[in-house]
């Protein structure tokens, strides 16, 4: 089980390459074609060309970039189908999502690869080699040919996966990162790196072709024209000479490969700040077993939240089934809360409302619980009620209703930045955070009920700036015996649709209290406009 919020250590990147993704996807839809020469074709520059081939076609001598006519001349039995780049891109995106079973940090890498940041994750699968073997076995069983490599940089892993040769799974030992490789003494040799001080081996990409640096084709051709075909060939030349002849991109790619220049790896989805996982030794199918596994996950997640002084506001449970295809996303259950919570029992009650939606099929083999949104637990919450983490009883009821009926079905009022009373609050989901707007000032009383919108009244004042002596509302006359005010309220300076308002708290002869206002400034000869806006208790 992983620990949420763990510190990231030495970086390790797994590069997954699916060299025959288009033909493998087609063969999965048409199994009868799997063992026959097969090619995806694409119209380019007025001719049909080969975009991808399966292994049988490659062994017959057909390769991407060849015209269809030449391909058919080499292999008359070649079966073809129209390439669908957009469909392949969507498939790759779904495979990247499936790879989150190994790490939450995954992203499509080009048209036929996936990059995985497995830093701190490999031990959950028995180490890097065991993780790589598991990934390769699952891809093979699903009908995808693959190669992968693990290295300290995305560039090195990408290069080894595609140009490393040898076994389909390559793992590059970690290097210490001390100094810059190659050293000045090594630049003239271009040979493999040595171990320094008994540490781990530094990466050696020297035997790989320069195309492994992800350079433009024109740069690769230009390097080949002067005899620079291997990465090791570049070490013998001064950097200034390489930059002047082939541009700064060559040095940038070279530095990325050797870790001298950092290369960010952005995940396809935001990585949850807290996450725990449970790999099940035996697949589970019963509701009781699923609930017990979830309790264990909640206990571990809340322990991690306690260490950071936070509570969960939104949680996602991903459930991986044995029989799911690679491109199928895991089953997901999500809950939300109106306040940060870290009581496992309270969160379990929210999940319990949704566990009956789980379809375990032949069994669940992996469960991942993530706090996709968390927040600090305020000390004031603990005083409200009740709970070990301060989750109020009313708040828990709102959470249960919101998760059962939907977030938009349970609303509350939250403050909003505006002096105008009708704009100073707004309805929001019970799960949403307060907007941070200031509440009405406590030194100026406000009515318990507002009219929306304010209703016009006929009012009479003894002098223009005085409160009304009487007003008529809905056909009923109210004579005023007490009044307080005015309190001037104006719209925000950036709004052009409002005039200043002078508000008065008035009480009629029957003891009923009202909140009325005169709109606009006094103008001689122009009748004042009066409105009733609210009622005091």
Protein backbone atom coordinates (compact mmCIF):
# COMPACT_ATOMS: atom_id res chain seq x y z
CA UNK A 1 0.00 0.00 0.00
CA UNK A 2 1.45 3.35 -1.00
CA UNK A 3 1.75 6.34 1.25
CA UNK A 4 0.09 9.61 0.35
CA UNK A 5 2.23 12.69 0.14
CA UNK A 6 5.53 10.80 0.08
CA UNK A 7 8.58 12.79 -0.84
CA UNK A 8 9.90 12.23 -4.33
CA UNK A 9 13.38 10.72 -4.45
CA UNK A 10 15.74 10.08 -7.37
CA UNK A 11 13.75 10.37 -10.56
CA UNK A 12 13.06 7.22 -12.61
CA UNK A 13 11.24 7.29 -15.93
CA UNK A 14 9.74 4.34 -17.80
CA UNK A 15 9.29 4.85 -21.53
CA UNK A 16 6.78 2.53 -23.18
CA UNK A 17 6.89 2.17 -26.96
CA UNK A 18 4.09 0.54 -28.97
CA UNK A 19 5.79 0.27 -32.38
CA UNK A 20 2.84 -1.40 -34.10
CA UNK A 21 -0.07 0.36 -32.40
CA UNK A 22 -2.22 0.90 -35.56
CA UNK A 23 -1.89 -2.67 -36.84
CA UNK A 24 -2.20 -4.18 -33.37
CA UNK A 25 -5.43 -2.24 -32.81
CA UNK A 26 -6.76 -3.42 -36.19
CA UNK A 27 -5.82 -7.04 -35.45
CA UNK A 28 -7.70 -6.87 -32.16
CA UNK A 29 -10.83 -6.00 -34.14
CA UNK A 30 -10.05 -8.57 -36.84
CA UNK A 31 -8.24 -11.50 -35.17
CA UNK A 32 -8.27 -13.48 -38.42
CA UNK A 33 -5.72 -11.02 -39.88
CA UNK A 34 -3.23 -11.13 -37.02
CA UNK A 35 -0.78 -13.60 -38.61
CA UNK A 36 -1.05 -12.25 -42.16
CA UNK A 37 1.00 -9.38 -43.63
CA UNK A 38 -0.92 -6.24 -42.74
CA UNK A 39 -0.33 -2.53 -43.36
CA UNK A 40 -2.07 0.74 -42.51
CA UNK A 41 -2.06 3.10 -45.48
CA UNK A 42 -2.38 6.85 -45.66
CA UNK A 43 -2.75 9.22 -48.63
CA UNK A 44 0.11 11.72 -48.74
CA UNK A 45 1.14 14.04 -51.58
CA UNK A 46 -1.22 12.41 -54.01
CA UNK A 47 -0.06 8.83 -53.38
CA UNK A 48 -0.92 5.99 -51.02
CA UNK A 49 1.89 5.21 -48.63
CA UNK A 50 2.46 2.70 -45.86
CA UNK A 51 2.01 4.27 -42.41
CA UNK A 52 2.44 1.17 -40.20
CA UNK A 53 3.00 -2.57 -40.61
CA UNK A 54 2.61 -5.64 -38.44
CA UNK A 55 5.44 -8.08 -37.76
CA UNK A 56 4.51 -10.42 -40.64
CA UNK A 57 4.65 -7.56 -43.15
CA UNK A 58 7.94 -6.28 -41.71
CA UNK A 59 9.51 -9.72 -42.01
CA UNK A 60 8.39 -9.79 -45.67
CA UNK A 61 10.30 -6.55 -46.31
CA UNK A 62 7.49 -3.98 -46.10
CA UNK A 63 8.23 -0.92 -43.96
CA UNK A 64 6.59 2.43 -43.16
CA UNK A 65 7.22 5.20 -45.67
CA UNK A 66 7.11 2.83 -48.63
CA UNK A 67 4.55 3.44 -51.38
CA UNK A 68 1.66 1.00 -51.53
CA UNK A 69 2.65 -0.04 -55.04
CA UNK A 70 6.18 -0.96 -53.91
CA UNK A 71 4.80 -2.74 -50.85
CA UNK A 72 2.46 -4.84 -52.96
CA UNK A 73 5.31 -5.67 -55.34
CA UNK A 74 7.32 -7.03 -52.40
CA UNK A 75 4.39 -8.81 -50.73
CA UNK A 76 1.42 -9.49 -53.07
CA UNK A 77 -0.59 -10.98 -50.17
CA UNK A 78 -0.39 -7.73 -48.19
CA UNK A 79 -3.73 -6.79 -46.60
CA UNK A 80 -4.31 -3.08 -46.10
CA UNK A 81 -6.66 -0.79 -44.22
CA UNK A 82 -7.01 2.97 -43.93
CA UNK A 83 -4.93 4.49 -41.15
CA UNK A 84 -6.92 6.38 -38.51
CA UNK A 85 -4.49 8.66 -36.67
CA UNK A 86 -7.19 10.26 -34.54
CA UNK A 87 -8.56 6.89 -33.44
CA UNK A 88 -5.03 5.71 -32.62
CA UNK A 89 -4.44 8.87 -30.56
CA UNK A 90 -7.61 8.23 -28.56
CA UNK A 91 -6.54 4.63 -28.01
CA UNK A 92 -3.11 5.76 -26.81
CA UNK A 93 -4.76 8.20 -24.41
CA UNK A 94 -6.86 5.38 -22.94
CA UNK A 95 -3.79 3.13 -22.62
CA UNK A 96 -2.03 5.97 -20.78
CA UNK A 97 -5.02 6.06 -18.45
CA UNK A 98 -4.78 2.31 -17.91
CA UNK A 99 -1.10 2.73 -17.01
CA UNK A 100 -2.15 4.64 -13.89
CA UNK A 101 -2.35 1.20 -12.27
CA UNK A 102 1.45 1.56 -11.99
CA UNK A 103 1.78 5.29 -11.25
CA UNK A 104 -0.53 8.33 -11.37
CA UNK A 105 2.12 10.18 -13.38
CA UNK A 106 1.49 9.01 -16.96
CA UNK A 107 1.18 10.82 -20.26
CA UNK A 108 1.07 9.92 -23.98
CA UNK A 109 4.51 10.38 -25.55
CA UNK A 110 4.28 11.03 -29.26
CA UNK A 111 1.96 9.01 -31.51
CA UNK A 112 3.06 5.59 -30.25
CA UNK A 113 4.41 5.86 -26.71
CA UNK A 114 3.58 6.47 -23.07
CA UNK A 115 5.90 8.02 -20.50
CA UNK A 116 5.54 6.96 -16.85
CA UNK A 117 7.26 8.61 -13.92
CA UNK A 118 7.69 5.56 -11.65
CA UNK A 119 9.75 7.35 -9.01
CA UNK A 120 8.93 5.75 -5.67
CA UNK A 121 6.41 3.33 -7.24
CA UNK A 122 8.48 0.36 -8.43
CA UNK A 123 8.78 -1.21 -4.98
CA UNK A 124 5.02 -1.74 -4.96
CA UNK A 125 5.51 -4.26 -7.77
CA UNK A 126 8.67 -5.92 -6.51
CA UNK A 127 11.12 -3.56 -8.20
CA UNK A 128 11.64 -2.05 -11.63
CA UNK A 129 12.29 -5.33 -13.42
CA UNK A 130 9.17 -6.94 -11.95
CA UNK A 131 7.08 -3.88 -12.85
CA UNK A 132 8.45 -3.87 -16.40
CA UNK A 133 7.80 -7.61 -16.75
CA UNK A 134 4.22 -7.23 -15.51
CA UNK A 135 3.55 -4.35 -17.89
CA UNK A 136 5.02 -6.23 -20.86
CA UNK A 137 3.09 -9.41 -20.05
CA UNK A 138 -0.24 -7.57 -19.84
CA UNK A 139 0.39 -5.75 -23.11
CA UNK A 140 1.35 -8.99 -24.86
CA UNK A 141 -1.75 -10.76 -23.56
CA UNK A 142 -3.85 -7.87 -24.85
CA UNK A 143 -2.31 -8.15 -28.33
CA UNK A 144 0.09 -5.20 -28.29
CA UNK A 145 3.74 -5.50 -29.23
CA UNK A 146 5.83 -3.31 -26.96
CA UNK A 147 9.29 -2.31 -25.86
CA UNK A 148 10.19 -0.35 -22.78
CA UNK A 149 13.15 1.03 -20.91
CA UNK A 150 13.77 2.65 -17.54
CA UNK A 151 16.26 5.46 -17.01
CA UNK A 152 16.88 8.57 -14.96
CA UNK A 153 15.76 10.95 -17.72
CA UNK A 154 12.80 10.85 -20.10
CA UNK A 155 15.15 11.31 -23.07
CA UNK A 156 17.42 8.40 -22.13
CA UNK A 157 14.47 6.09 -21.48
CA UNK A 158 12.89 7.09 -24.82
CA UNK A 159 16.15 6.48 -26.70
CA UNK A 160 16.79 3.06 -25.15
CA UNK A 161 13.21 1.86 -25.66
CA UNK A 162 13.35 2.61 -29.39
CA UNK A 163 17.01 2.09 -30.28
CA UNK A 164 18.45 -0.02 -27.49
CA UNK A 165 18.05 -3.36 -29.24
CA UNK A 166 18.31 -6.68 -27.42
CA UNK A 167 15.62 -7.85 -25.04
CA UNK A 168 12.18 -6.24 -25.20
CA UNK A 169 12.58 -4.94 -21.64
CA UNK A 170 15.57 -2.78 -20.80
CA UNK A 171 16.37 -1.31 -17.40
CA UNK A 172 19.18 1.21 -17.14
CA UNK A 173 20.88 1.23 -13.71
CA UNK A 174 20.57 4.43 -11.78
CA UNK A 175 23.49 6.79 -11.88
CA UNK A 176 24.78 8.97 -9.10
CA UNK A 177 24.33 12.21 -11.00
CA UNK A 178 27.66 13.49 -9.73
CA UNK A 179 29.47 15.64 -12.23
CA UNK A 180 28.61 15.97 -15.91
CA UNK A 181 28.84 12.96 -18.15
CA UNK A 182 30.85 12.44 -20.22
CA UNK A 183 33.84 13.84 -18.41
CA UNK A 184 36.46 15.74 -20.45
CA UNK A 185 38.68 12.64 -20.41
CA UNK A 186 35.87 10.53 -21.81
CA UNK A 187 34.81 12.90 -24.59
CA UNK A 188 37.64 11.79 -26.83
CA UNK A 189 36.81 8.12 -26.38
CA UNK A 190 33.01 8.05 -26.45
CA UNK A 191 33.23 4.77 -24.57
CA UNK A 192 31.01 3.43 -21.83
CA UNK A 193 30.91 5.20 -18.51
CA UNK A 194 32.83 3.86 -15.57
CA UNK A 195 31.63 3.40 -12.05
CA UNK A 196 32.67 6.29 -9.86
CA UNK A 197 33.62 5.52 -6.27
CA UNK A 198 31.71 2.25 -6.26
CA UNK A 199 28.48 4.05 -7.20
CA UNK A 200 25.96 3.01 -9.77
CA UNK A 201 26.79 3.13 -13.47
CA UNK A 202 26.23 6.32 -15.42
CA UNK A 203 24.08 6.02 -18.56
CA UNK A 204 25.92 5.16 -21.78
CA UNK A 205 24.05 6.17 -24.90
CA UNK A 206 27.17 6.35 -27.09
CA UNK A 207 26.37 3.31 -29.29
CA UNK A 208 22.89 4.59 -30.18
CA UNK A 209 22.22 6.43 -33.46
CA UNK A 210 21.83 10.20 -33.29
CA UNK A 211 18.14 9.77 -34.20
CA UNK A 212 17.71 8.49 -30.62
CA UNK A 213 18.12 12.11 -29.47
CA UNK A 214 14.70 12.99 -31.00
CA UNK A 215 16.26 15.31 -33.55
CA UNK A 216 14.55 16.58 -36.72
CA UNK A 217 15.18 14.40 -39.78
CA UNK A 218 17.10 17.24 -41.47
CA UNK A 219 19.52 17.42 -38.53
CA UNK A 220 20.01 13.64 -38.53
CA UNK A 221 20.77 13.72 -42.25
CA UNK A 222 23.15 16.63 -41.80
CA UNK A 223 25.06 14.82 -39.06
CA UNK A 224 25.27 11.67 -41.14
CA UNK A 225 26.66 13.67 -44.08
CA UNK A 226 29.74 14.57 -42.01
CA UNK A 227 30.13 11.12 -40.51
CA UNK A 228 28.39 11.71 -37.16
CA UNK A 229 26.04 8.75 -36.97
CA UNK A 230 26.29 7.70 -33.32
CA UNK A 231 25.76 9.71 -30.15
CA UNK A 232 29.30 8.79 -29.13
CA UNK A 233 30.61 10.54 -32.24
CA UNK A 234 29.36 13.86 -30.85
CA UNK A 235 31.51 13.68 -27.72
CA UNK A 236 34.75 14.27 -29.64
CA UNK A 237 33.60 17.66 -30.98
CA UNK A 238 33.49 20.98 -29.09
CA UNK A 239 29.98 22.05 -28.11
CA UNK A 240 30.43 25.44 -29.74
CA UNK A 241 31.21 23.77 -33.07
CA UNK A 242 28.14 21.54 -32.87
CA UNK A 243 25.89 24.49 -32.01
CA UNK A 244 27.28 26.64 -34.80
CA UNK A 245 26.91 23.91 -37.41
CA UNK A 246 23.64 22.22 -36.36
CA UNK A 247 21.89 24.70 -34.09
CA UNK A 248 21.13 24.81 -30.34
CA UNK A 249 18.48 22.05 -30.55
CA UNK A 250 21.19 19.39 -30.87
CA UNK A 251 22.87 20.44 -27.61
CA UNK A 252 19.52 20.77 -25.84
CA UNK A 253 18.54 17.21 -26.73
CA UNK A 254 21.99 15.92 -25.80
CA UNK A 255 21.86 17.65 -22.40
CA UNK A 256 18.36 16.31 -21.74
CA UNK A 257 19.50 12.77 -22.45
CA UNK A 258 22.36 12.99 -19.95
CA UNK A 259 20.45 14.88 -17.28
CA UNK A 260 22.37 18.13 -17.62
CA UNK A 261 19.13 19.89 -18.55
CA UNK A 262 15.87 19.09 -16.80
CA UNK A 263 12.96 17.88 -18.94
CA UNK A 264 9.56 18.29 -17.29
CA UNK A 265 7.07 15.44 -17.64
CA UNK A 266 3.48 16.67 -17.38
CA UNK A 267 0.91 14.05 -16.39
CA UNK A 268 -2.22 13.62 -18.50
CA UNK A 269 -4.34 14.40 -15.43
CA UNK A 270 -3.50 16.32 -12.24
CA UNK A 271 -1.76 14.04 -9.76
CA UNK A 272 -3.75 13.78 -6.50
CA UNK A 273 -1.95 15.30 -3.51
CA UNK A 274 -2.74 12.21 -1.42
CA UNK A 275 -3.16 8.67 -2.70
CA UNK A 276 -3.01 5.11 -1.34
CA UNK A 277 -3.30 1.81 -3.17
CA UNK A 278 -4.02 -1.78 -2.27
CA UNK A 279 -2.83 -4.60 -4.53
CA UNK A 280 -4.97 -7.60 -3.60
CA UNK A 281 -3.17 -10.95 -3.30
CA UNK A 282 -6.36 -12.68 -4.48
CA UNK A 283 -9.13 -11.10 -6.57
CA UNK A 284 -12.17 -10.13 -4.50
CA UNK A 285 -15.79 -10.19 -5.63
CA UNK A 286 -18.04 -9.87 -2.57
CA UNK A 287 -19.48 -6.63 -1.23
CA UNK A 288 -18.10 -7.40 2.24
CA UNK A 289 -14.54 -7.88 0.97
CA UNK A 290 -14.70 -4.69 -1.13
CA UNK A 291 -15.98 -2.70 1.86
CA UNK A 292 -13.24 -4.08 4.13
CA UNK A 293 -10.54 -3.21 1.57
CA UNK A 294 -11.96 0.29 1.29
CA UNK A 295 -11.88 0.72 5.08
CA UNK A 296 -8.19 -0.15 5.06
CA UNK A 297 -7.56 2.39 2.33
CA UNK A 298 -9.50 5.11 4.17
CA UNK A 299 -7.59 4.46 7.38
CA UNK A 300 -4.26 4.78 5.57
CA UNK A 301 -5.35 7.88 3.64
CA UNK A 302 -6.64 9.66 6.76
CA UNK A 303 -3.38 8.88 8.57
CA UNK A 304 -1.50 10.62 5.77
CA UNK A 305 -3.88 13.59 5.92
CA UNK A 306 -3.36 13.86 9.67
CA UNK A 307 0.38 14.22 9.12
CA UNK A 308 -0.24 17.31 6.99
CA UNK A 309 -3.05 18.75 9.11
CA UNK A 310 -5.55 18.39 6.27
CA UNK A 311 -8.87 16.78 5.54
CA UNK A 312 -10.29 15.40 2.31
CA UNK A 313 -12.92 17.31 0.38
CA UNK A 314 -13.13 15.13 -2.71
CA UNK A 315 -12.14 11.50 -3.01
CA UNK A 316 -11.93 9.10 -5.94
CA UNK A 317 -11.80 5.32 -5.71
CA UNK A 318 -10.44 3.52 -8.78
CA UNK A 319 -11.14 -0.21 -9.02
CA UNK A 320 -9.20 -2.34 -11.48
CA UNK A 321 -10.79 -5.61 -12.65
CA UNK A 322 -9.04 -8.71 -13.87
CA UNK A 323 -10.83 -8.82 -17.22
CA UNK A 324 -10.66 -5.16 -18.19
CA UNK A 325 -9.10 -4.38 -21.53
CA UNK A 326 -6.12 -2.04 -21.60
CA UNK A 327 -8.08 0.76 -23.21
CA UNK A 328 -10.88 0.52 -20.63
CA UNK A 329 -10.75 2.95 -17.74
CA UNK A 330 -11.07 1.50 -14.23
CA UNK A 331 -14.40 1.70 -12.45
CA UNK A 332 -14.55 4.90 -10.44
CA UNK A 333 -16.54 6.02 -7.42
CA UNK A 334 -16.31 9.64 -6.28
CA UNK A 335 -17.59 11.48 -3.22
CA UNK A 336 -17.36 15.04 -1.99
CA UNK A 337 -17.75 16.88 1.30
CA UNK A 338 -18.68 20.42 2.25
CA UNK A 339 -15.82 20.67 4.76
CA UNK A 340 -12.44 18.96 5.03
CA UNK A 341 -12.91 15.54 6.65
CA UNK A 342 -10.48 12.88 7.79
CA UNK A 343 -12.66 10.54 9.83
CA UNK A 344 -12.60 7.14 8.10
CA UNK A 345 -16.04 6.24 9.47
CA UNK A 346 -17.67 9.40 8.09
CA UNK A 347 -16.07 8.94 4.68
CA UNK A 348 -17.00 5.26 4.67
CA UNK A 349 -20.66 6.17 5.18
CA UNK A 350 -20.53 8.35 2.08
CA UNK A 351 -18.89 5.63 -0.01
CA UNK A 352 -21.35 3.02 1.33
CA UNK A 353 -24.13 4.76 -0.62
CA UNK A 354 -22.33 3.95 -3.87
CA UNK A 355 -20.64 0.58 -3.32
CA UNK A 356 -23.62 -1.25 -4.82
CA UNK A 357 -22.62 0.25 -8.20
CA UNK A 358 -19.37 -1.74 -8.30
CA UNK A 359 -19.31 -4.56 -10.84
CA UNK A 360 -16.45 -6.80 -9.70
CA UNK A 361 -16.88 -9.34 -12.52
CA UNK A 362 -14.27 -12.09 -12.10
CA UNK A 363 -12.66 -10.04 -9.33
CA UNK A 364 -10.93 -6.82 -8.39
CA UNK A 365 -7.14 -6.99 -8.27
CA UNK A 366 -6.21 -3.40 -7.45
CA UNK A 367 -7.89 -0.52 -5.60
CA UNK A 368 -6.54 3.05 -5.55
CA UNK A 369 -8.01 5.73 -3.28
CA UNK A 370 -7.07 9.36 -3.94
CA UNK A 371 -7.91 12.62 -2.21
CA UNK A 372 -8.17 14.74 -5.33
CA UNK A 373 -8.94 17.82 -3.24
CA UNK A 374 -7.93 18.49 0.35
CA UNK A 375 -7.92 21.43 2.71
CA UNK A 376 -6.73 22.42 6.17
CA UNK A 377 -8.89 21.50 9.14
CA UNK A 378 -9.83 24.72 10.90
CA UNK A 379 -9.87 24.69 14.70
CA UNK A 380 -13.31 26.32 14.58
CA UNK A 381 -14.74 23.23 12.95
CA UNK A 382 -13.86 21.06 15.93
CA UNK A 383 -15.88 23.31 18.22
CA UNK A 384 -19.03 23.05 16.12
CA UNK A 385 -19.77 19.56 17.03
CA UNK A 386 -18.84 16.91 17.17
CA UNK A 387 -16.37 14.94 15.55
CA UNK A 388 -12.78 14.07 15.95
CA UNK A 389 -11.95 16.24 13.01
CA UNK A 390 -14.60 18.84 13.48
CA UNK A 391 -17.01 17.69 10.80
CA UNK A 392 -20.36 19.17 11.95
CA UNK A 393 -23.40 16.89 12.15
CA UNK A 394 -25.29 19.22 9.80
CA UNK A 395 -22.34 19.17 7.45
CA UNK A 396 -22.30 15.38 7.43
CA UNK A 397 -26.03 15.32 6.65
CA UNK A 398 -25.46 17.70 3.73
CA UNK A 399 -22.61 15.52 2.51
CA UNK A 400 -24.79 12.40 2.57
CA UNK A 401 -27.63 14.15 0.75
CA UNK A 402 -25.28 15.68 -1.78
CA UNK A 403 -23.61 12.37 -2.59
CA UNK A 404 -26.95 10.60 -2.88
CA UNK A 405 -28.89 13.23 -4.83
CA UNK A 406 -26.04 14.95 -6.66
CA UNK A 407 -23.94 17.98 -5.82
CA UNK A 408 -26.25 20.43 -7.58
CA UNK A 409 -29.30 19.20 -5.67
CA UNK A 410 -28.08 20.49 -2.30
CA UNK A 411 -27.33 24.19 -2.20
CA UNK A 412 -26.22 26.75 0.36
CA UNK A 413 -25.61 30.48 0.36
CA UNK A 414 -22.03 31.68 0.25
CA UNK A 415 -20.76 35.28 0.55
CA UNK A 416 -19.84 37.19 -2.56
CA UNK A 417 -17.88 40.43 -2.88
CA UNK A 418 -20.53 43.12 -3.31
CA UNK A 419 -21.98 45.87 -1.14
CA UNK A 420 -25.41 45.58 -2.76
CA UNK A 421 -27.41 43.21 -0.53
CA UNK A 422 -28.99 41.20 -3.34
CA UNK A 423 -25.54 40.52 -4.81
CA UNK A 424 -23.62 39.81 -1.60
CA UNK A 425 -24.67 36.16 -1.40
CA UNK A 426 -25.15 33.50 -4.05
CA UNK A 427 -26.36 29.88 -4.10
CA UNK A 428 -23.58 27.33 -4.47
CA UNK A 429 -23.13 23.59 -4.24
CA UNK A 430 -22.98 22.29 -0.70
CA UNK A 431 -19.54 20.88 -1.64
CA UNK A 432 -18.09 24.17 -2.87
CA UNK A 433 -15.65 26.31 -0.95
CA UNK A 434 -16.80 29.73 0.26
CA UNK A 435 -15.83 32.42 -2.20
CA UNK A 436 -13.98 34.43 0.40
CA UNK A 437 -16.29 37.44 0.10
CA UNK A 438 -16.82 39.56 3.21
CA UNK A 439 -19.97 38.94 5.24
CA UNK A 440 -22.36 41.80 6.00
CA UNK A 441 -20.86 44.08 8.65
CA UNK A 442 -22.01 43.21 12.18
CA UNK A 443 -22.27 46.87 13.24
CA UNK A 444 -25.02 47.56 10.69
CA UNK A 445 -28.18 45.46 11.19
CA UNK A 446 -29.54 43.58 8.20
CA UNK A 447 -33.03 42.15 7.74
CA UNK A 448 -33.77 38.45 8.16
CA UNK A 449 -35.63 38.39 4.85
CA UNK A 450 -34.96 40.17 1.58
CA UNK A 451 -37.31 40.71 -1.32
CA UNK A 452 -35.95 39.60 -4.67
CA UNK A 453 -36.14 41.94 -6.42
CA UNK A 454 -36.89 44.97 -4.22
CA UNK A 455 -40.50 46.13 -4.71
CA UNK A 456 -41.41 49.74 -5.53
CA UNK A 457 -43.43 51.67 -2.95
CA UNK A 458 -45.12 55.07 -2.87
CA UNK A 459 -43.51 57.07 -0.10
CA UNK A 460 -43.86 60.60 1.30
CA UNK A 461 -41.06 62.39 3.16
CA UNK A 462 -41.31 65.74 4.92
CA UNK A 463 -38.07 66.96 3.29
CA UNK A 464 -36.18 65.33 0.39
CA UNK A 465 -33.38 63.80 2.48
CA UNK A 466 -35.58 62.62 5.36
CA UNK A 467 -36.89 59.08 5.90
CA UNK A 468 -40.45 58.51 4.74
CA UNK A 469 -43.29 59.59 7.03
CA UNK A 470 -45.53 57.01 5.39
CA UNK A 471 -45.48 54.59 2.45
CA UNK A 472 -47.94 52.53 0.44
CA UNK A 473 -47.06 48.92 -0.39
CA UNK A 474 -49.38 46.43 -2.10
CA UNK A 475 -52.35 48.71 -1.40
CA UNK A 476 -51.68 48.94 2.35
CA UNK A 477 -50.65 52.20 3.97
CA UNK A 478 -47.95 52.19 6.65
CA UNK A 479 -47.45 55.25 8.90
CA UNK A 480 -43.94 55.50 10.30
CA UNK A 481 -43.34 56.23 13.97
CA UNK A 482 -39.59 55.46 14.17
CA UNK A 483 -36.81 55.66 11.61
CA UNK A 484 -33.04 55.29 11.53
CA UNK A 485 -30.68 56.22 8.72
CA UNK A 486 -29.70 56.89 6.10
CA UNK A 487 -27.00 54.34 5.24
CA UNK A 488 -25.68 54.99 1.76
CA UNK A 489 -24.77 51.91 -0.31
CA UNK A 490 -23.37 52.13 -3.81
CA UNK A 491 -22.68 49.57 -6.50
CA UNK A 492 -19.13 48.51 -7.32
CA UNK A 493 -17.20 51.18 -9.17
CA UNK A 494 -16.86 49.03 -12.28
CA UNK A 495 -20.64 48.56 -12.66
CA UNK A 496 -22.55 51.12 -14.66
CA UNK A 497 -26.07 49.90 -13.97
CA UNK A 498 -26.56 51.25 -10.44
CA UNK A 499 -27.22 54.50 -8.60
CA UNK A 500 -26.47 55.15 -4.93
CA UNK A 501 -29.10 54.03 -2.46
CA UNK A 502 -30.02 55.61 0.88
CA UNK A 503 -31.35 52.86 3.19
CA UNK A 504 -33.59 53.46 6.24
CA UNK A 505 -34.74 51.14 8.98
CA UNK A 506 -38.33 52.15 9.72
CA UNK A 507 -41.07 50.95 12.09
CA UNK A 508 -44.78 51.53 11.48
CA UNK A 509 -47.48 52.20 14.06
CA UNK A 510 -48.22 48.44 14.30
CA UNK A 511 -44.62 47.68 15.28
CA UNK A 512 -43.64 46.11 11.95
CA UNK A 513 -40.12 46.96 10.86
CA UNK A 514 -39.03 47.42 7.26
CA UNK A 515 -35.88 48.13 5.28
CA UNK A 516 -36.59 50.74 2.60
CA UNK A 517 -34.36 52.84 0.38
CA UNK A 518 -34.49 55.87 -1.86
CA UNK A 519 -32.70 55.36 -5.17
CA UNK A 520 -30.46 58.01 -6.64
CA UNK A 521 -29.49 61.47 -5.51
CA UNK A 522 -32.04 64.21 -4.91
CA UNK A 523 -32.85 66.13 -8.07
CA UNK A 524 -35.20 69.17 -7.86
CA UNK A 525 -38.39 68.64 -9.77
CA UNK A 526 -37.85 64.88 -10.10
CA UNK A 527 -39.88 62.51 -7.94
CA UNK A 528 -37.80 60.21 -5.78
CA UNK A 529 -38.00 56.45 -6.37
CA UNK A 530 -38.56 54.37 -3.21
CA UNK A 531 -38.29 50.60 -2.74
CA UNK A 532 -39.01 48.08 -0.01
CA UNK A 533 -36.09 45.65 0.22
CA UNK A 534 -36.58 43.59 3.38
CA UNK A 535 -38.17 42.89 6.75
CA UNK A 536 -36.67 42.81 10.22
CA UNK A 537 -37.79 40.12 12.70
